[in-house]
Amino acid sequence: MLQAVLFDMDGLLADTEPLWQDAEIKVFNALGVPLNRELCRQVMGQRIDEVVKYWYDLFPWEGESLKSVENQVIEELLSLISQKAELLPGVLDSLVLVEKYGWKKAVASSSALRIIEHLLKKVGIRDQFELVCSAEFEPYGKPHPGIFLNTAKKLEVEAQACLVLEDSVNGVIAGKAARMKVIAVPDPHMENDPRFCLADAKISSLIHLEEALEKVLLQQGK
């Protein structure tokens, strides 16, 4: 029986993926890395330190440490969140739905903790979650399942009793690797990626969460 729902954040609760892309493109272009939105989608769902290392390995630059570049992207993103971040459709209703079932709610995101806290406060839903966890404190980011397993542990819930809501392929892989149920809510540019078939259900928006949830519960024999 499900006991907790683990929400990803970027691209699921708020449309921050374009903001991430804007921040990354600005910082990396200044370093001579020919980044664009299509290339940014290759690393969706990964931690920013892993993203920086990925592009450095392909397009090594001089004069800036990887940590410095990471911080530049984060600072640019925080500024964009303050200006532009808004909740995506269906988020508030999904929180009410989870509350109705009496399940615990947590955010389990690849973003740095200060980004998560900043965004949740900006859009006014920080108090909706019992727990907020960041993969920045894990040895590995998604698609490694560590962030989800440790979030479940902190909630004192078995992994198999958790449902993950994710918009990225990396997040879906991480959720399934953690032996959790997963509902995918893909980014529109990625929705045809065949790897989303790993999810237990797939919807275009959290507006449709209730019907997907019924499918998952039916699979469990509830």
N, C-alpha and C. Protein backbone atom coordinates (compact mmCIF):
# COMPACT_ATOMS: atom_id res chain seq x y z
N MET A 1 0.84 -1.20 0.00
CA MET A 1 0.00 0.00 0.00
C MET A 1 0.88 1.25 0.00
N LEU A 2 0.50 2.22 -0.82
CA LEU A 2 1.26 3.47 -0.87
C LEU A 2 1.12 4.24 0.43
N GLN A 3 2.21 4.86 0.84
CA GLN A 3 2.22 5.66 2.06
C GLN A 3 2.83 7.04 1.87
N ALA A 4 3.52 7.25 0.75
CA ALA A 4 4.19 8.54 0.54
C ALA A 4 4.32 8.83 -0.95
N VAL A 5 4.30 10.11 -1.28
CA VAL A 5 4.53 10.56 -2.66
C VAL A 5 5.75 11.46 -2.67
N LEU A 6 6.69 11.13 -3.54
CA LEU A 6 7.92 11.91 -3.67
C LEU A 6 7.86 12.72 -4.96
N PHE A 7 7.82 14.02 -4.81
CA PHE A 7 7.71 14.94 -5.94
C PHE A 7 9.09 15.38 -6.40
N ASP A 8 9.36 15.25 -7.68
CA ASP A 8 10.48 15.99 -8.26
C ASP A 8 10.07 17.46 -8.23
N MET A 9 10.97 18.36 -8.57
CA MET A 9 10.61 19.78 -8.52
C MET A 9 10.69 20.45 -9.89
N ASP A 10 11.89 20.49 -10.47
CA ASP A 10 12.08 21.20 -11.74
C ASP A 10 11.28 20.54 -12.85
N GLY A 11 10.40 21.32 -13.48
CA GLY A 11 9.61 20.80 -14.58
C GLY A 11 8.38 20.04 -14.14
N LEU A 12 8.22 19.82 -12.85
CA LEU A 12 7.04 19.11 -12.34
C LEU A 12 6.17 20.05 -11.51
N LEU A 13 6.78 20.70 -10.52
CA LEU A 13 6.03 21.65 -9.70
C LEU A 13 6.01 23.04 -10.33
N ALA A 14 7.09 23.40 -10.96
CA ALA A 14 7.19 24.71 -11.63
C ALA A 14 7.95 24.54 -12.94
N ASP A 15 7.66 25.38 -13.89
CA ASP A 15 8.28 25.28 -15.21
C ASP A 15 9.66 25.93 -15.18
N THR A 16 10.57 25.29 -14.44
CA THR A 16 11.90 25.86 -14.27
C THR A 16 12.91 25.35 -15.29
N GLU A 17 12.54 24.33 -16.08
CA GLU A 17 13.51 23.83 -17.05
C GLU A 17 13.97 24.92 -18.02
N PRO A 18 13.06 25.77 -18.55
CA PRO A 18 13.55 26.87 -19.41
C PRO A 18 14.46 27.84 -18.64
N LEU A 19 14.20 28.01 -17.34
CA LEU A 19 15.05 28.90 -16.54
C LEU A 19 16.43 28.29 -16.34
N TRP A 20 16.46 26.99 -16.07
CA TRP A 20 17.75 26.29 -16.00
C TRP A 20 18.50 26.45 -17.32
N GLN A 21 17.80 26.25 -18.41
CA GLN A 21 18.44 26.35 -19.72
C GLN A 21 18.99 27.75 -19.96
N ASP A 22 18.19 28.77 -19.62
CA ASP A 22 18.65 30.15 -19.80
C ASP A 22 19.91 30.42 -18.99
N ALA A 23 19.91 29.94 -17.74
CA ALA A 23 21.06 30.15 -16.86
C ALA A 23 22.29 29.42 -17.38
N GLU A 24 22.10 28.17 -17.78
CA GLU A 24 23.23 27.38 -18.28
C GLU A 24 23.77 27.95 -19.58
N ILE A 25 22.88 28.30 -20.50
CA ILE A 25 23.32 28.83 -21.79
C ILE A 25 24.12 30.12 -21.59
N LYS A 26 23.63 31.00 -20.72
CA LYS A 26 24.34 32.27 -20.48
C LYS A 26 25.74 32.03 -19.93
N VAL A 27 25.84 31.17 -18.92
CA VAL A 27 27.13 30.95 -18.26
C VAL A 27 28.08 30.17 -19.17
N PHE A 28 27.58 29.09 -19.78
CA PHE A 28 28.46 28.26 -20.60
C PHE A 28 28.87 28.93 -21.91
N ASN A 29 27.96 29.67 -22.51
CA ASN A 29 28.32 30.40 -23.73
C ASN A 29 29.46 31.37 -23.47
N ALA A 30 29.46 31.99 -22.29
CA ALA A 30 30.52 32.93 -21.94
C ALA A 30 31.87 32.23 -21.82
N LEU A 31 31.83 30.90 -21.61
CA LEU A 31 33.05 30.11 -21.50
C LEU A 31 33.45 29.48 -22.83
N GLY A 32 32.65 29.75 -23.86
CA GLY A 32 32.95 29.19 -25.18
C GLY A 32 32.30 27.85 -25.45
N VAL A 33 31.40 27.43 -24.57
CA VAL A 33 30.68 26.17 -24.78
C VAL A 33 29.44 26.47 -25.62
N PRO A 34 29.28 25.84 -26.78
CA PRO A 34 28.18 26.17 -27.70
C PRO A 34 26.86 25.53 -27.27
N LEU A 35 26.40 25.87 -26.10
CA LEU A 35 25.20 25.25 -25.54
C LEU A 35 23.94 25.89 -26.11
N ASN A 36 22.92 25.06 -26.35
CA ASN A 36 21.61 25.56 -26.75
C ASN A 36 20.55 24.72 -26.03
N ARG A 37 19.28 25.02 -26.26
CA ARG A 37 18.22 24.33 -25.50
C ARG A 37 18.19 22.83 -25.79
N GLU A 38 18.41 22.46 -27.03
CA GLU A 38 18.38 21.04 -27.37
C GLU A 38 19.48 20.28 -26.62
N LEU A 39 20.67 20.84 -26.56
CA LEU A 39 21.76 20.20 -25.84
C LEU A 39 21.49 20.16 -24.34
N CYS A 40 20.86 21.21 -23.82
CA CYS A 40 20.53 21.23 -22.39
C CYS A 40 19.64 20.06 -22.00
N ARG A 41 18.75 19.65 -22.91
CA ARG A 41 17.81 18.57 -22.60
C ARG A 41 18.52 17.23 -22.43
N GLN A 42 19.74 17.13 -22.94
CA GLN A 42 20.49 15.88 -22.79
C GLN A 42 20.83 15.58 -21.34
N VAL A 43 20.88 16.60 -20.52
CA VAL A 43 21.30 16.41 -19.12
C VAL A 43 20.18 16.76 -18.14
N MET A 44 18.95 16.80 -18.62
CA MET A 44 17.81 17.07 -17.75
C MET A 44 17.75 16.07 -16.60
N GLY A 45 17.51 16.58 -15.41
CA GLY A 45 17.36 15.71 -14.25
C GLY A 45 18.65 15.42 -13.52
N GLN A 46 19.79 15.85 -14.08
CA GLN A 46 21.07 15.62 -13.42
C GLN A 46 21.43 16.78 -12.50
N ARG A 47 22.29 16.50 -11.53
CA ARG A 47 22.77 17.56 -10.64
C ARG A 47 23.63 18.54 -11.40
N ILE A 48 23.66 19.79 -10.92
CA ILE A 48 24.40 20.82 -11.63
C ILE A 48 25.90 20.54 -11.65
N ASP A 49 26.46 19.94 -10.60
CA ASP A 49 27.89 19.62 -10.64
C ASP A 49 28.19 18.58 -11.71
N GLU A 50 27.26 17.63 -11.90
CA GLU A 50 27.43 16.63 -12.94
C GLU A 50 27.27 17.24 -14.34
N VAL A 51 26.37 18.20 -14.45
CA VAL A 51 26.17 18.91 -15.72
C VAL A 51 27.44 19.69 -16.09
N VAL A 52 27.98 20.42 -15.12
CA VAL A 52 29.20 21.20 -15.38
C VAL A 52 30.34 20.29 -15.81
N LYS A 53 30.51 19.18 -15.11
CA LYS A 53 31.59 18.24 -15.45
C LYS A 53 31.36 17.65 -16.84
N TYR A 54 30.11 17.36 -17.18
CA TYR A 54 29.77 16.79 -18.49
C TYR A 54 30.21 17.73 -19.61
N TRP A 55 29.87 19.02 -19.49
CA TRP A 55 30.22 19.97 -20.56
C TRP A 55 31.70 20.31 -20.55
N TYR A 56 32.31 20.29 -19.37
CA TYR A 56 33.76 20.54 -19.32
C TYR A 56 34.53 19.44 -20.04
N ASP A 57 34.08 18.19 -19.87
CA ASP A 57 34.76 17.08 -20.52
C ASP A 57 34.65 17.18 -22.04
N LEU A 58 33.54 17.71 -22.53
CA LEU A 58 33.35 17.84 -23.98
C LEU A 58 33.98 19.11 -24.54
N PHE A 59 33.89 20.21 -23.77
CA PHE A 59 34.39 21.50 -24.23
C PHE A 59 35.21 22.16 -23.11
N PRO A 60 36.38 21.64 -22.81
CA PRO A 60 37.16 22.17 -21.68
C PRO A 60 37.48 23.66 -21.86
N TRP A 61 37.35 24.39 -20.75
CA TRP A 61 37.64 25.82 -20.77
C TRP A 61 38.77 26.13 -19.78
N GLU A 62 39.22 27.36 -19.84
CA GLU A 62 40.29 27.80 -18.94
C GLU A 62 39.81 28.99 -18.12
N GLY A 63 40.41 29.16 -16.96
CA GLY A 63 40.18 30.37 -16.17
C GLY A 63 39.09 30.31 -15.13
N GLU A 64 38.24 29.29 -15.18
CA GLU A 64 37.16 29.17 -14.20
C GLU A 64 37.12 27.72 -13.70
N SER A 65 37.11 27.58 -12.38
CA SER A 65 37.00 26.23 -11.82
C SER A 65 35.60 25.69 -12.04
N LEU A 66 35.44 24.37 -11.96
CA LEU A 66 34.13 23.77 -12.12
C LEU A 66 33.17 24.26 -11.03
N LYS A 67 33.67 24.41 -9.81
CA LYS A 67 32.84 24.88 -8.71
C LYS A 67 32.39 26.31 -8.95
N SER A 68 33.26 27.14 -9.47
CA SER A 68 32.89 28.52 -9.76
C SER A 68 31.80 28.58 -10.81
N VAL A 69 31.91 27.76 -11.84
CA VAL A 69 30.89 27.73 -12.90
C VAL A 69 29.57 27.24 -12.33
N GLU A 70 29.64 26.21 -11.51
CA GLU A 70 28.44 25.69 -10.85
C GLU A 70 27.72 26.79 -10.07
N ASN A 71 28.47 27.56 -9.29
CA ASN A 71 27.87 28.64 -8.50
C ASN A 71 27.31 29.75 -9.37
N GLN A 72 27.96 30.04 -10.48
CA GLN A 72 27.45 31.06 -11.40
C GLN A 72 26.09 30.66 -11.97
N VAL A 73 25.96 29.40 -12.35
CA VAL A 73 24.69 28.91 -12.88
C VAL A 73 23.60 29.00 -11.80
N ILE A 74 23.93 28.60 -10.59
CA ILE A 74 22.96 28.62 -9.50
C ILE A 74 22.51 30.05 -9.20
N GLU A 75 23.45 30.98 -9.14
CA GLU A 75 23.09 32.37 -8.85
C GLU A 75 22.21 32.95 -9.95
N GLU A 76 22.53 32.64 -11.19
CA GLU A 76 21.71 33.11 -12.31
C GLU A 76 20.31 32.50 -12.23
N LEU A 77 20.24 31.22 -11.89
CA LEU A 77 18.95 30.56 -11.78
C LEU A 77 18.11 31.14 -10.65
N LEU A 78 18.71 31.39 -9.50
CA LEU A 78 17.97 31.97 -8.37
C LEU A 78 17.34 33.30 -8.76
N SER A 79 18.10 34.10 -9.50
CA SER A 79 17.58 35.38 -9.96
C SER A 79 16.39 35.20 -10.89
N LEU A 80 16.47 34.23 -11.81
CA LEU A 80 15.38 33.98 -12.74
C LEU A 80 14.15 33.42 -12.03
N ILE A 81 14.37 32.58 -11.02
CA ILE A 81 13.24 32.06 -10.23
C ILE A 81 12.50 33.19 -9.56
N SER A 82 13.24 34.11 -8.97
CA SER A 82 12.61 35.26 -8.29
C SER A 82 11.75 36.07 -9.25
N GLN A 83 12.18 36.15 -10.50
CA GLN A 83 11.47 36.96 -11.49
C GLN A 83 10.31 36.23 -12.16
N LYS A 84 10.48 34.91 -12.41
CA LYS A 84 9.58 34.26 -13.35
C LYS A 84 8.89 32.99 -12.88
N ALA A 85 9.32 32.37 -11.80
CA ALA A 85 8.81 31.05 -11.45
C ALA A 85 7.33 31.07 -11.09
N GLU A 86 6.57 30.13 -11.65
CA GLU A 86 5.15 29.97 -11.35
C GLU A 86 4.83 28.49 -11.27
N LEU A 87 3.81 28.16 -10.49
CA LEU A 87 3.37 26.78 -10.40
C LEU A 87 2.81 26.30 -11.73
N LEU A 88 3.04 25.04 -12.03
CA LEU A 88 2.46 24.43 -13.22
C LEU A 88 1.01 24.01 -12.94
N PRO A 89 0.20 23.87 -13.98
CA PRO A 89 -1.19 23.47 -13.80
C PRO A 89 -1.30 22.11 -13.09
N GLY A 90 -2.24 22.02 -12.17
CA GLY A 90 -2.51 20.76 -11.50
C GLY A 90 -1.74 20.53 -10.22
N VAL A 91 -0.75 21.37 -9.93
CA VAL A 91 0.08 21.14 -8.75
C VAL A 91 -0.75 21.22 -7.46
N LEU A 92 -1.52 22.29 -7.30
CA LEU A 92 -2.29 22.45 -6.07
C LEU A 92 -3.31 21.33 -5.91
N ASP A 93 -3.97 20.97 -7.00
CA ASP A 93 -4.94 19.87 -6.93
C ASP A 93 -4.26 18.55 -6.59
N SER A 94 -3.06 18.34 -7.09
CA SER A 94 -2.35 17.10 -6.79
C SER A 94 -1.98 17.02 -5.32
N LEU A 95 -1.63 18.15 -4.73
CA LEU A 95 -1.31 18.17 -3.31
C LEU A 95 -2.55 17.87 -2.47
N VAL A 96 -3.68 18.41 -2.88
CA VAL A 96 -4.94 18.13 -2.20
C VAL A 96 -5.29 16.64 -2.32
N LEU A 97 -5.06 16.07 -3.50
CA LEU A 97 -5.37 14.67 -3.74
C LEU A 97 -4.52 13.76 -2.84
N VAL A 98 -3.24 14.04 -2.77
CA VAL A 98 -2.36 13.24 -1.92
C VAL A 98 -2.77 13.38 -0.45
N GLU A 99 -3.15 14.58 -0.07
CA GLU A 99 -3.61 14.82 1.30
C GLU A 99 -4.87 14.01 1.60
N LYS A 100 -5.73 13.89 0.61
CA LYS A 100 -6.97 13.14 0.79
C LYS A 100 -6.70 11.67 1.10
N TYR A 101 -5.68 11.13 0.47
CA TYR A 101 -5.31 9.74 0.72
C TYR A 101 -4.57 9.57 2.05
N GLY A 102 -4.13 10.67 2.64
CA GLY A 102 -3.42 10.59 3.90
C GLY A 102 -1.96 10.20 3.77
N TRP A 103 -1.40 10.34 2.56
CA TRP A 103 -0.01 9.95 2.33
C TRP A 103 0.93 11.11 2.66
N LYS A 104 2.14 10.76 3.04
CA LYS A 104 3.17 11.77 3.28
C LYS A 104 3.63 12.37 1.96
N LYS A 105 4.11 13.61 2.02
CA LYS A 105 4.56 14.32 0.82
C LYS A 105 5.98 14.84 1.04
N ALA A 106 6.83 14.60 0.05
CA ALA A 106 8.20 15.11 0.13
C ALA A 106 8.65 15.56 -1.25
N VAL A 107 9.59 16.49 -1.28
CA VAL A 107 10.27 16.87 -2.51
C VAL A 107 11.62 16.15 -2.52
N ALA A 108 11.92 15.49 -3.64
CA ALA A 108 13.20 14.81 -3.80
C ALA A 108 13.77 15.25 -5.15
N SER A 109 14.65 16.22 -5.12
CA SER A 109 15.09 16.91 -6.34
C SER A 109 16.60 16.85 -6.51
N SER A 110 17.03 16.92 -7.77
CA SER A 110 18.45 17.01 -8.08
C SER A 110 19.02 18.39 -7.79
N SER A 111 18.15 19.38 -7.67
CA SER A 111 18.61 20.75 -7.43
C SER A 111 19.24 20.90 -6.06
N ALA A 112 20.11 21.90 -5.94
CA ALA A 112 20.70 22.22 -4.65
C ALA A 112 19.60 22.64 -3.67
N LEU A 113 19.82 22.37 -2.40
CA LEU A 113 18.79 22.64 -1.39
C LEU A 113 18.37 24.11 -1.38
N ARG A 114 19.30 25.02 -1.58
CA ARG A 114 18.93 26.44 -1.54
C ARG A 114 18.04 26.81 -2.72
N ILE A 115 18.18 26.09 -3.85
CA ILE A 115 17.30 26.32 -4.99
C ILE A 115 15.90 25.80 -4.68
N ILE A 116 15.84 24.61 -4.11
CA ILE A 116 14.54 24.01 -3.76
C ILE A 116 13.78 24.91 -2.80
N GLU A 117 14.44 25.31 -1.72
CA GLU A 117 13.78 26.15 -0.71
C GLU A 117 13.34 27.48 -1.32
N HIS A 118 14.18 28.07 -2.14
CA HIS A 118 13.87 29.36 -2.76
C HIS A 118 12.64 29.25 -3.65
N LEU A 119 12.60 28.20 -4.46
CA LEU A 119 11.47 28.03 -5.38
C LEU A 119 10.18 27.74 -4.64
N LEU A 120 10.22 26.80 -3.69
CA LEU A 120 9.00 26.43 -2.97
C LEU A 120 8.41 27.62 -2.22
N LYS A 121 9.26 28.45 -1.66
CA LYS A 121 8.78 29.65 -0.97
C LYS A 121 8.24 30.68 -1.96
N LYS A 122 8.91 30.78 -3.12
CA LYS A 122 8.46 31.74 -4.13
C LYS A 122 7.06 31.42 -4.63
N VAL A 123 6.77 30.13 -4.83
CA VAL A 123 5.45 29.74 -5.36
C VAL A 123 4.46 29.41 -4.24
N GLY A 124 4.89 29.52 -2.99
CA GLY A 124 3.96 29.45 -1.86
C GLY A 124 3.51 28.08 -1.42
N ILE A 125 4.35 27.04 -1.64
CA ILE A 125 3.92 25.69 -1.24
C ILE A 125 4.92 24.99 -0.31
N ARG A 126 5.85 25.72 0.26
CA ARG A 126 6.86 25.06 1.12
C ARG A 126 6.21 24.30 2.27
N ASP A 127 5.16 24.86 2.85
CA ASP A 127 4.55 24.22 4.03
C ASP A 127 3.69 23.01 3.68
N GLN A 128 3.59 22.68 2.39
CA GLN A 128 2.81 21.51 1.97
C GLN A 128 3.60 20.20 2.11
N PHE A 129 4.90 20.30 2.34
CA PHE A 129 5.75 19.11 2.35
C PHE A 129 6.35 18.86 3.72
N GLU A 130 6.24 17.61 4.16
CA GLU A 130 6.85 17.23 5.43
C GLU A 130 8.37 17.25 5.36
N LEU A 131 8.89 17.03 4.15
CA LEU A 131 10.33 16.85 4.00
C LEU A 131 10.77 17.37 2.63
N VAL A 132 11.95 17.99 2.60
CA VAL A 132 12.56 18.44 1.35
C VAL A 132 13.97 17.87 1.30
N CYS A 133 14.29 17.13 0.24
CA CYS A 133 15.60 16.49 0.11
C CYS A 133 16.26 16.86 -1.20
N SER A 134 17.57 17.04 -1.15
CA SER A 134 18.34 17.41 -2.33
C SER A 134 19.39 16.35 -2.62
N ALA A 135 19.56 16.02 -3.89
CA ALA A 135 20.58 15.05 -4.30
C ALA A 135 21.99 15.63 -4.20
N GLU A 136 22.11 16.92 -3.86
CA GLU A 136 23.45 17.48 -3.73
C GLU A 136 24.21 16.81 -2.58
N PHE A 137 23.50 16.18 -1.66
CA PHE A 137 24.13 15.52 -0.52
C PHE A 137 24.32 14.03 -0.74
N GLU A 138 24.00 13.55 -1.93
CA GLU A 138 24.15 12.14 -2.27
C GLU A 138 25.48 11.92 -3.01
N PRO A 139 26.06 10.72 -2.88
CA PRO A 139 27.28 10.43 -3.66
C PRO A 139 27.05 10.55 -5.17
N TYR A 140 25.84 10.17 -5.61
CA TYR A 140 25.50 10.23 -7.03
C TYR A 140 24.11 10.84 -7.20
N GLY A 141 23.92 11.56 -8.30
CA GLY A 141 22.61 12.10 -8.61
C GLY A 141 21.79 11.13 -9.44
N LYS A 142 20.58 11.54 -9.78
CA LYS A 142 19.75 10.73 -10.67
C LYS A 142 20.49 10.56 -12.01
N PRO A 143 20.44 9.38 -12.61
CA PRO A 143 19.50 8.27 -12.42
C PRO A 143 19.82 7.30 -11.30
N HIS A 144 20.83 7.56 -10.49
CA HIS A 144 21.07 6.73 -9.30
C HIS A 144 19.88 6.90 -8.36
N PRO A 145 19.41 5.84 -7.72
CA PRO A 145 18.21 5.93 -6.87
C PRO A 145 18.43 6.48 -5.48
N GLY A 146 19.67 6.87 -5.15
CA GLY A 146 19.99 7.28 -3.79
C GLY A 146 19.09 8.34 -3.20
N ILE A 147 18.77 9.38 -3.96
CA ILE A 147 17.95 10.47 -3.44
C ILE A 147 16.57 9.96 -3.02
N PHE A 148 16.00 9.06 -3.81
CA PHE A 148 14.67 8.53 -3.48
C PHE A 148 14.73 7.57 -2.29
N LEU A 149 15.74 6.73 -2.25
CA LEU A 149 15.87 5.78 -1.14
C LEU A 149 16.07 6.50 0.19
N ASN A 150 16.90 7.53 0.18
CA ASN A 150 17.16 8.25 1.43
C ASN A 150 15.98 9.11 1.85
N THR A 151 15.23 9.62 0.88
CA THR A 151 14.02 10.37 1.22
C THR A 151 13.01 9.45 1.89
N ALA A 152 12.83 8.26 1.33
CA ALA A 152 11.92 7.28 1.94
C ALA A 152 12.37 6.92 3.35
N LYS A 153 13.66 6.73 3.51
CA LYS A 153 14.20 6.39 4.84
C LYS A 153 13.91 7.48 5.85
N LYS A 154 14.09 8.74 5.45
CA LYS A 154 13.83 9.85 6.36
C LYS A 154 12.34 9.98 6.68
N LEU A 155 11.50 9.59 5.73
CA LEU A 155 10.05 9.60 5.97
C LEU A 155 9.60 8.40 6.80
N GLU A 156 10.53 7.45 7.01
CA GLU A 156 10.24 6.19 7.71
C GLU A 156 9.17 5.39 6.98
N VAL A 157 9.36 5.31 5.66
CA VAL A 157 8.45 4.57 4.78
C VAL A 157 9.29 3.63 3.92
N GLU A 158 8.82 2.41 3.71
CA GLU A 158 9.51 1.47 2.84
C GLU A 158 9.50 2.00 1.40
N ALA A 159 10.59 1.72 0.67
CA ALA A 159 10.69 2.20 -0.71
C ALA A 159 9.52 1.73 -1.56
N GLN A 160 9.10 0.48 -1.37
CA GLN A 160 8.01 -0.07 -2.18
C GLN A 160 6.67 0.59 -1.89
N ALA A 161 6.60 1.36 -0.82
CA ALA A 161 5.36 2.06 -0.46
C ALA A 161 5.36 3.51 -0.93
N CYS A 162 6.32 3.85 -1.79
CA CYS A 162 6.43 5.23 -2.28
C CYS A 162 6.04 5.33 -3.76
N LEU A 163 5.45 6.45 -4.09
CA LEU A 163 5.14 6.81 -5.47
C LEU A 163 5.98 8.02 -5.84
N VAL A 164 6.66 7.95 -6.97
CA VAL A 164 7.48 9.05 -7.47
C VAL A 164 6.77 9.74 -8.62
N LEU A 165 6.77 11.08 -8.60
CA LEU A 165 6.25 11.88 -9.70
C LEU A 165 7.43 12.59 -10.35
N GLU A 166 7.66 12.31 -11.64
CA GLU A 166 8.87 12.77 -12.32
C GLU A 166 8.59 13.26 -13.73
N ASP A 167 9.36 14.26 -14.16
CA ASP A 167 9.22 14.74 -15.53
C ASP A 167 10.38 14.34 -16.42
N SER A 168 11.46 13.82 -15.85
CA SER A 168 12.65 13.50 -16.65
C SER A 168 12.88 11.99 -16.73
N VAL A 169 13.54 11.57 -17.79
CA VAL A 169 13.89 10.16 -17.95
C VAL A 169 14.81 9.72 -16.82
N ASN A 170 15.79 10.57 -16.48
CA ASN A 170 16.71 10.22 -15.41
C ASN A 170 15.97 9.99 -14.09
N GLY A 171 14.96 10.80 -13.85
CA GLY A 171 14.17 10.65 -12.62
C GLY A 171 13.34 9.38 -12.63
N VAL A 172 12.76 9.04 -13.78
CA VAL A 172 11.98 7.82 -13.90
C VAL A 172 12.87 6.60 -13.66
N ILE A 173 14.04 6.59 -14.26
CA ILE A 173 14.98 5.49 -14.07
C ILE A 173 15.35 5.36 -12.59
N ALA A 174 15.60 6.50 -11.94
CA ALA A 174 15.96 6.48 -10.52
C ALA A 174 14.83 5.92 -9.67
N GLY A 175 13.61 6.34 -9.97
CA GLY A 175 12.47 5.87 -9.20
C GLY A 175 12.25 4.38 -9.33
N LYS A 176 12.36 3.86 -10.54
CA LYS A 176 12.18 2.42 -10.75
C LYS A 176 13.34 1.63 -10.14
N ALA A 177 14.55 2.19 -10.21
CA ALA A 177 15.70 1.52 -9.59
C ALA A 177 15.54 1.43 -8.08
N ALA A 178 14.79 2.38 -7.51
CA ALA A 178 14.51 2.37 -6.07
C ALA A 178 13.35 1.44 -5.72
N ARG A 179 12.77 0.77 -6.74
CA ARG A 179 11.65 -0.16 -6.58
C ARG A 179 10.37 0.58 -6.14
N MET A 180 10.24 1.79 -6.60
CA MET A 180 9.06 2.59 -6.30
C MET A 180 8.13 2.64 -7.51
N LYS A 181 6.86 2.95 -7.27
CA LYS A 181 5.94 3.23 -8.35
C LYS A 181 6.29 4.60 -8.91
N VAL A 182 6.14 4.76 -10.23
CA VAL A 182 6.51 6.02 -10.86
C VAL A 182 5.43 6.45 -11.85
N ILE A 183 5.00 7.69 -11.72
CA ILE A 183 4.15 8.32 -12.72
C ILE A 183 4.98 9.40 -13.41
N ALA A 184 5.11 9.27 -14.72
CA ALA A 184 5.90 10.23 -15.50
C ALA A 184 5.00 11.35 -16.01
N VAL A 185 5.52 12.57 -15.90
CA VAL A 185 4.84 13.76 -16.44
C VAL A 185 5.87 14.46 -17.32
N PRO A 186 6.13 13.92 -18.51
CA PRO A 186 7.28 14.37 -19.32
C PRO A 186 7.21 15.82 -19.76
N ASP A 187 8.39 16.41 -19.86
CA ASP A 187 8.54 17.69 -20.54
C ASP A 187 8.00 17.51 -21.96
N PRO A 188 7.22 18.48 -22.47
CA PRO A 188 6.62 18.34 -23.81
C PRO A 188 7.63 18.02 -24.91
N HIS A 189 8.87 18.51 -24.76
CA HIS A 189 9.88 18.26 -25.78
C HIS A 189 10.44 16.84 -25.70
N MET A 190 10.13 16.14 -24.60
CA MET A 190 10.71 14.81 -24.37
C MET A 190 9.66 13.71 -24.31
N GLU A 191 8.38 14.06 -24.48
CA GLU A 191 7.31 13.11 -24.19
C GLU A 191 7.34 11.86 -25.06
N ASN A 192 7.97 11.91 -26.23
CA ASN A 192 8.02 10.75 -27.11
C ASN A 192 9.24 9.87 -26.87
N ASP A 193 10.03 10.20 -25.86
CA ASP A 193 11.19 9.37 -25.52
C ASP A 193 10.69 7.99 -25.08
N PRO A 194 11.10 6.92 -25.77
CA PRO A 194 10.58 5.59 -25.45
C PRO A 194 10.92 5.11 -24.04
N ARG A 195 11.91 5.72 -23.42
CA ARG A 195 12.30 5.27 -22.08
C ARG A 195 11.24 5.58 -21.03
N PHE A 196 10.30 6.46 -21.34
CA PHE A 196 9.24 6.73 -20.39
C PHE A 196 8.31 5.53 -20.20
N CYS A 197 8.47 4.51 -21.06
CA CYS A 197 7.65 3.31 -20.89
C CYS A 197 8.01 2.57 -19.61
N LEU A 198 9.13 2.92 -19.00
CA LEU A 198 9.51 2.32 -17.72
C LEU A 198 8.55 2.71 -16.60
N ALA A 199 7.91 3.86 -16.74
CA ALA A 199 7.00 4.35 -15.71
C ALA A 199 5.75 3.48 -15.63
N ASP A 200 5.11 3.49 -14.46
CA ASP A 200 3.87 2.74 -14.26
C ASP A 200 2.69 3.43 -14.93
N ALA A 201 2.81 4.72 -15.13
CA ALA A 201 1.79 5.50 -15.85
C ALA A 201 2.46 6.75 -16.38
N LYS A 202 1.86 7.33 -17.42
CA LYS A 202 2.42 8.53 -18.05
C LYS A 202 1.28 9.48 -18.35
N ILE A 203 1.42 10.75 -17.93
CA ILE A 203 0.39 11.76 -18.16
C ILE A 203 1.05 13.03 -18.69
N SER A 204 0.25 13.86 -19.31
CA SER A 204 0.79 15.09 -19.90
C SER A 204 0.88 16.23 -18.90
N SER A 205 0.15 16.11 -17.78
CA SER A 205 0.10 17.18 -16.79
C SER A 205 -0.39 16.60 -15.47
N LEU A 206 -0.03 17.25 -14.37
CA LEU A 206 -0.55 16.83 -13.07
C LEU A 206 -2.06 17.01 -12.96
N ILE A 207 -2.63 17.72 -13.92
CA ILE A 207 -4.09 17.83 -13.97
C ILE A 207 -4.72 16.44 -14.04
N HIS A 208 -4.01 15.51 -14.65
CA HIS A 208 -4.54 14.16 -14.87
C HIS A 208 -4.02 13.16 -13.84
N LEU A 209 -3.51 13.64 -12.72
CA LEU A 209 -2.90 12.74 -11.74
C LEU A 209 -3.90 11.72 -11.18
N GLU A 210 -5.12 12.16 -10.92
CA GLU A 210 -6.07 11.25 -10.27
C GLU A 210 -6.32 10.00 -11.11
N GLU A 211 -6.49 10.16 -12.43
CA GLU A 211 -6.74 8.98 -13.27
C GLU A 211 -5.52 8.09 -13.35
N ALA A 212 -4.31 8.69 -13.37
CA ALA A 212 -3.09 7.88 -13.39
C ALA A 212 -2.91 7.15 -12.06
N LEU A 213 -3.26 7.82 -10.99
CA LEU A 213 -3.16 7.21 -9.67
C LEU A 213 -4.10 6.01 -9.54
N GLU A 214 -5.29 6.13 -10.10
CA GLU A 214 -6.23 5.01 -10.08
C GLU A 214 -5.64 3.81 -10.82
N LYS A 215 -4.94 4.08 -11.92
CA LYS A 215 -4.30 3.01 -12.68
C LYS A 215 -3.23 2.32 -11.85
N VAL A 216 -2.41 3.11 -11.16
CA VAL A 216 -1.33 2.54 -10.34
C VAL A 216 -1.90 1.72 -9.19
N LEU A 217 -2.94 2.23 -8.54
CA LEU A 217 -3.55 1.50 -7.43
C LEU A 217 -4.21 0.21 -7.91
N LEU A 218 -4.77 0.26 -9.12
CA LEU A 218 -5.37 -0.94 -9.69
C LEU A 218 -4.31 -2.01 -9.94
N GLN A 219 -3.14 -1.56 -10.40
CA GLN A 219 -2.03 -2.49 -10.62
C GLN A 219 -1.62 -3.17 -9.33
N GLN A 220 -1.78 -2.46 -8.22
CA GLN A 220 -1.44 -3.02 -6.91
C GLN A 220 -2.56 -3.90 -6.34
N GLY A 221 -3.67 -3.92 -7.04
CA GLY A 221 -4.78 -4.73 -6.56
C GLY A 221 -5.61 -4.05 -5.51
N LYS A 222 -5.53 -2.71 -5.48
CA LYS A 222 -6.31 -1.95 -4.49
C LYS A 222 -7.66 -1.57 -5.06
